[in-house]
Amino acid sequence: MESSLPQQKPQAKTRRWLITAFLIYGTMVAGLLGFLVIFPGAITHEAEIETTGAVAAAKTGRYQTVVANWNRYRARDARADAR
């Protein structure tokens, strides 16, 4: 009993996989190039160096604020326990 589906050649199946892989790779490369064209300054190291100082200063200030709030909370809690 023969199958009604036509038998595909192994070469055609391999070629289809190669075309699919090439299309996926091409899409990734085109997307990366498009990203670099639209956002040219997004990948530079100079931008990272410029913002590092501001971020470090903001983190230090934020840390000190959190510590101060925690100390205030602990002091209020200690006063409530003393009553």
N, C-alpha and C. Protein backbone atom coordinates (compact mmCIF):
# COMPACT_ATOMS: atom_id res chain seq x y z
N MET A 1 0.83 -1.17 0.00
CA MET A 1 0.00 0.00 0.00
C MET A 1 0.88 1.24 0.00
N GLU A 2 0.71 2.05 -0.97
CA GLU A 2 1.55 3.23 -1.11
C GLU A 2 0.90 4.43 -0.42
N SER A 3 1.75 5.31 0.07
CA SER A 3 1.27 6.52 0.71
C SER A 3 0.84 7.52 -0.36
N SER A 4 -0.20 8.29 -0.05
CA SER A 4 -0.66 9.28 -1.00
C SER A 4 0.18 10.55 -0.96
N LEU A 5 1.00 10.72 0.09
CA LEU A 5 1.86 11.89 0.20
C LEU A 5 3.12 11.69 -0.63
N PRO A 6 3.53 12.70 -1.37
CA PRO A 6 4.75 12.55 -2.17
C PRO A 6 5.99 12.54 -1.25
N GLN A 7 6.94 11.72 -1.62
CA GLN A 7 8.18 11.64 -0.85
C GLN A 7 9.09 12.80 -1.22
N GLN A 8 9.59 13.52 -0.19
CA GLN A 8 10.50 14.63 -0.46
C GLN A 8 11.93 14.11 -0.52
N LYS A 9 12.71 14.76 -1.33
CA LYS A 9 14.11 14.40 -1.42
C LYS A 9 14.85 14.97 -0.21
N PRO A 10 15.83 14.25 0.34
CA PRO A 10 16.58 14.76 1.49
C PRO A 10 17.29 16.08 1.19
N GLN A 11 17.70 16.27 -0.05
CA GLN A 11 18.41 17.49 -0.41
C GLN A 11 17.48 18.71 -0.30
N ALA A 12 16.24 18.56 -0.69
CA ALA A 12 15.28 19.66 -0.61
C ALA A 12 15.03 20.04 0.84
N LYS A 13 14.97 19.06 1.72
CA LYS A 13 14.74 19.32 3.14
C LYS A 13 15.92 20.06 3.74
N THR A 14 17.14 19.68 3.40
CA THR A 14 18.34 20.35 3.88
C THR A 14 18.39 21.78 3.36
N ARG A 15 18.04 21.95 2.11
CA ARG A 15 18.05 23.29 1.51
C ARG A 15 17.05 24.20 2.23
N ARG A 16 15.90 23.67 2.59
CA ARG A 16 14.89 24.46 3.29
C ARG A 16 15.42 24.91 4.66
N TRP A 17 16.12 24.02 5.35
CA TRP A 17 16.70 24.39 6.65
C TRP A 17 17.77 25.47 6.49
N LEU A 18 18.57 25.37 5.46
CA LEU A 18 19.61 26.36 5.21
C LEU A 18 19.00 27.73 4.90
N ILE A 19 17.95 27.74 4.10
CA ILE A 19 17.28 29.00 3.78
C ILE A 19 16.67 29.61 5.04
N THR A 20 16.05 28.80 5.87
CA THR A 20 15.46 29.29 7.11
C THR A 20 16.52 29.86 8.04
N ALA A 21 17.63 29.15 8.18
CA ALA A 21 18.72 29.63 9.03
C ALA A 21 19.29 30.94 8.49
N PHE A 22 19.45 31.04 7.19
CA PHE A 22 19.96 32.27 6.59
C PHE A 22 19.00 33.44 6.81
N LEU A 23 17.72 33.21 6.67
CA LEU A 23 16.73 34.26 6.90
C LEU A 23 16.74 34.74 8.36
N ILE A 24 16.84 33.81 9.30
CA ILE A 24 16.90 34.19 10.71
C ILE A 24 18.17 35.00 10.99
N TYR A 25 19.30 34.53 10.49
CA TYR A 25 20.57 35.24 10.67
C TYR A 25 20.51 36.62 10.04
N GLY A 26 19.98 36.71 8.83
CA GLY A 26 19.86 37.99 8.14
C GLY A 26 18.97 38.96 8.89
N THR A 27 17.88 38.47 9.46
CA THR A 27 16.98 39.31 10.24
C THR A 27 17.69 39.85 11.48
N MET A 28 18.47 39.01 12.13
CA MET A 28 19.21 39.46 13.32
C MET A 28 20.23 40.52 12.96
N VAL A 29 20.96 40.31 11.91
CA VAL A 29 21.98 41.28 11.48
C VAL A 29 21.32 42.59 11.07
N ALA A 30 20.23 42.51 10.32
CA ALA A 30 19.53 43.73 9.89
C ALA A 30 18.97 44.48 11.10
N GLY A 31 18.46 43.76 12.08
CA GLY A 31 17.95 44.40 13.29
C GLY A 31 19.04 45.10 14.07
N LEU A 32 20.20 44.45 14.18
CA LEU A 32 21.32 45.07 14.90
C LEU A 32 21.81 46.31 14.17
N LEU A 33 21.95 46.22 12.85
CA LEU A 33 22.38 47.39 12.08
C LEU A 33 21.35 48.52 12.17
N GLY A 34 20.08 48.18 12.12
CA GLY A 34 19.03 49.18 12.26
C GLY A 34 19.07 49.85 13.61
N PHE A 35 19.31 49.07 14.66
CA PHE A 35 19.42 49.63 16.00
C PHE A 35 20.59 50.61 16.08
N LEU A 36 21.72 50.23 15.50
CA LEU A 36 22.89 51.10 15.55
C LEU A 36 22.69 52.37 14.72
N VAL A 37 21.91 52.28 13.65
CA VAL A 37 21.64 53.47 12.83
C VAL A 37 20.69 54.41 13.56
N ILE A 38 19.66 53.85 14.20
CA ILE A 38 18.67 54.68 14.88
C ILE A 38 19.22 55.25 16.18
N PHE A 39 19.97 54.46 16.94
CA PHE A 39 20.53 54.89 18.22
C PHE A 39 22.06 54.83 18.16
N PRO A 40 22.71 55.76 17.48
CA PRO A 40 24.16 55.66 17.29
C PRO A 40 24.96 55.82 18.58
N GLY A 41 24.46 56.56 19.56
CA GLY A 41 25.22 56.79 20.79
C GLY A 41 24.90 55.81 21.89
N ALA A 42 24.10 54.80 21.63
CA ALA A 42 23.66 53.89 22.68
C ALA A 42 24.76 52.91 23.09
N ILE A 43 25.74 52.67 22.28
CA ILE A 43 26.72 51.62 22.56
C ILE A 43 28.09 52.19 22.88
N THR A 44 28.25 53.48 22.93
CA THR A 44 29.57 54.04 23.17
C THR A 44 29.96 53.95 24.64
N HIS A 45 31.23 53.78 24.89
CA HIS A 45 31.72 53.71 26.27
C HIS A 45 31.86 55.09 26.88
N GLU A 46 31.98 56.12 26.08
CA GLU A 46 32.09 57.48 26.60
C GLU A 46 30.82 57.86 27.35
N ALA A 47 29.67 57.44 26.84
CA ALA A 47 28.39 57.75 27.50
C ALA A 47 28.33 57.06 28.85
N GLU A 48 28.86 55.84 28.95
CA GLU A 48 28.88 55.13 30.22
C GLU A 48 29.75 55.87 31.23
N ILE A 49 30.89 56.32 30.80
CA ILE A 49 31.84 57.00 31.70
C ILE A 49 31.25 58.32 32.19
N GLU A 50 30.56 59.04 31.31
CA GLU A 50 29.98 60.32 31.70
C GLU A 50 28.90 60.15 32.76
N THR A 51 28.08 59.12 32.66
CA THR A 51 26.97 58.96 33.58
C THR A 51 27.35 58.22 34.86
N THR A 52 28.51 57.60 34.90
CA THR A 52 28.89 56.81 36.07
C THR A 52 29.02 57.69 37.31
N GLY A 53 29.60 58.86 37.19
CA GLY A 53 29.76 59.74 38.34
C GLY A 53 28.43 60.19 38.91
N ALA A 54 27.49 60.54 38.05
CA ALA A 54 26.16 60.98 38.51
C ALA A 54 25.42 59.84 39.18
N VAL A 55 25.54 58.65 38.64
CA VAL A 55 24.85 57.50 39.22
C VAL A 55 25.44 57.16 40.58
N ALA A 56 26.75 57.20 40.70
CA ALA A 56 27.40 56.89 41.97
C ALA A 56 26.99 57.90 43.03
N ALA A 57 26.92 59.18 42.66
CA ALA A 57 26.50 60.21 43.62
C ALA A 57 25.05 60.00 44.03
N ALA A 58 24.20 59.64 43.09
CA ALA A 58 22.80 59.41 43.40
C ALA A 58 22.64 58.20 44.31
N LYS A 59 23.42 57.15 44.06
CA LYS A 59 23.34 55.96 44.90
C LYS A 59 23.80 56.26 46.32
N THR A 60 24.85 57.05 46.46
CA THR A 60 25.35 57.40 47.80
C THR A 60 24.29 58.17 48.56
N GLY A 61 23.69 59.16 47.91
CA GLY A 61 22.64 59.94 48.56
C GLY A 61 21.43 59.09 48.91
N ARG A 62 21.06 58.20 48.01
CA ARG A 62 19.93 57.31 48.27
C ARG A 62 20.23 56.39 49.44
N TYR A 63 21.43 55.86 49.50
CA TYR A 63 21.82 54.97 50.59
C TYR A 63 21.74 55.70 51.92
N GLN A 64 22.27 56.91 51.96
CA GLN A 64 22.24 57.68 53.21
C GLN A 64 20.81 57.98 53.62
N THR A 65 19.94 58.25 52.67
CA THR A 65 18.53 58.51 52.98
C THR A 65 17.86 57.28 53.55
N VAL A 66 18.14 56.13 52.98
CA VAL A 66 17.55 54.89 53.48
C VAL A 66 18.02 54.61 54.90
N VAL A 67 19.30 54.82 55.16
CA VAL A 67 19.84 54.59 56.51
C VAL A 67 19.18 55.56 57.50
N ALA A 68 19.03 56.82 57.11
CA ALA A 68 18.41 57.80 58.00
C ALA A 68 16.95 57.42 58.29
N ASN A 69 16.22 56.99 57.27
CA ASN A 69 14.83 56.57 57.48
C ASN A 69 14.75 55.35 58.38
N TRP A 70 15.66 54.43 58.20
CA TRP A 70 15.67 53.22 59.02
C TRP A 70 15.98 53.58 60.48
N ASN A 71 16.92 54.48 60.69
CA ASN A 71 17.24 54.89 62.06
C ASN A 71 16.04 55.58 62.71
N ARG A 72 15.33 56.43 61.94
CA ARG A 72 14.13 57.07 62.48
C ARG A 72 13.07 56.05 62.83
N TYR A 73 12.88 55.07 61.99
CA TYR A 73 11.90 54.02 62.25
C TYR A 73 12.26 53.23 63.51
N ARG A 74 13.53 52.87 63.63
CA ARG A 74 13.97 52.11 64.81
C ARG A 74 13.80 52.93 66.09
N ALA A 75 14.10 54.24 66.02
CA ALA A 75 13.96 55.09 67.19
C ALA A 75 12.48 55.18 67.60
N ARG A 76 11.60 55.34 66.61
CA ARG A 76 10.16 55.42 66.90
C ARG A 76 9.68 54.09 67.49
N ASP A 77 10.17 52.98 66.95
CA ASP A 77 9.79 51.67 67.46
C ASP A 77 10.28 51.48 68.90
N ALA A 78 11.50 51.95 69.18
CA ALA A 78 12.06 51.82 70.54
C ALA A 78 11.25 52.67 71.52
N ARG A 79 10.83 53.87 71.10
CA ARG A 79 10.00 54.70 71.97
C ARG A 79 8.65 54.05 72.23
N ALA A 80 8.07 53.40 71.24
CA ALA A 80 6.79 52.72 71.42
C ALA A 80 6.95 51.53 72.36
N ASP A 81 8.05 50.82 72.28
CA ASP A 81 8.29 49.69 73.19
C ASP A 81 8.51 50.15 74.62
N ALA A 82 9.09 51.36 74.80
CA ALA A 82 9.38 51.86 76.14
C ALA A 82 8.11 52.28 76.86
N ARG A 83 7.05 52.58 76.15
CA ARG A 83 5.80 53.01 76.80
C ARG A 83 5.11 51.89 77.47
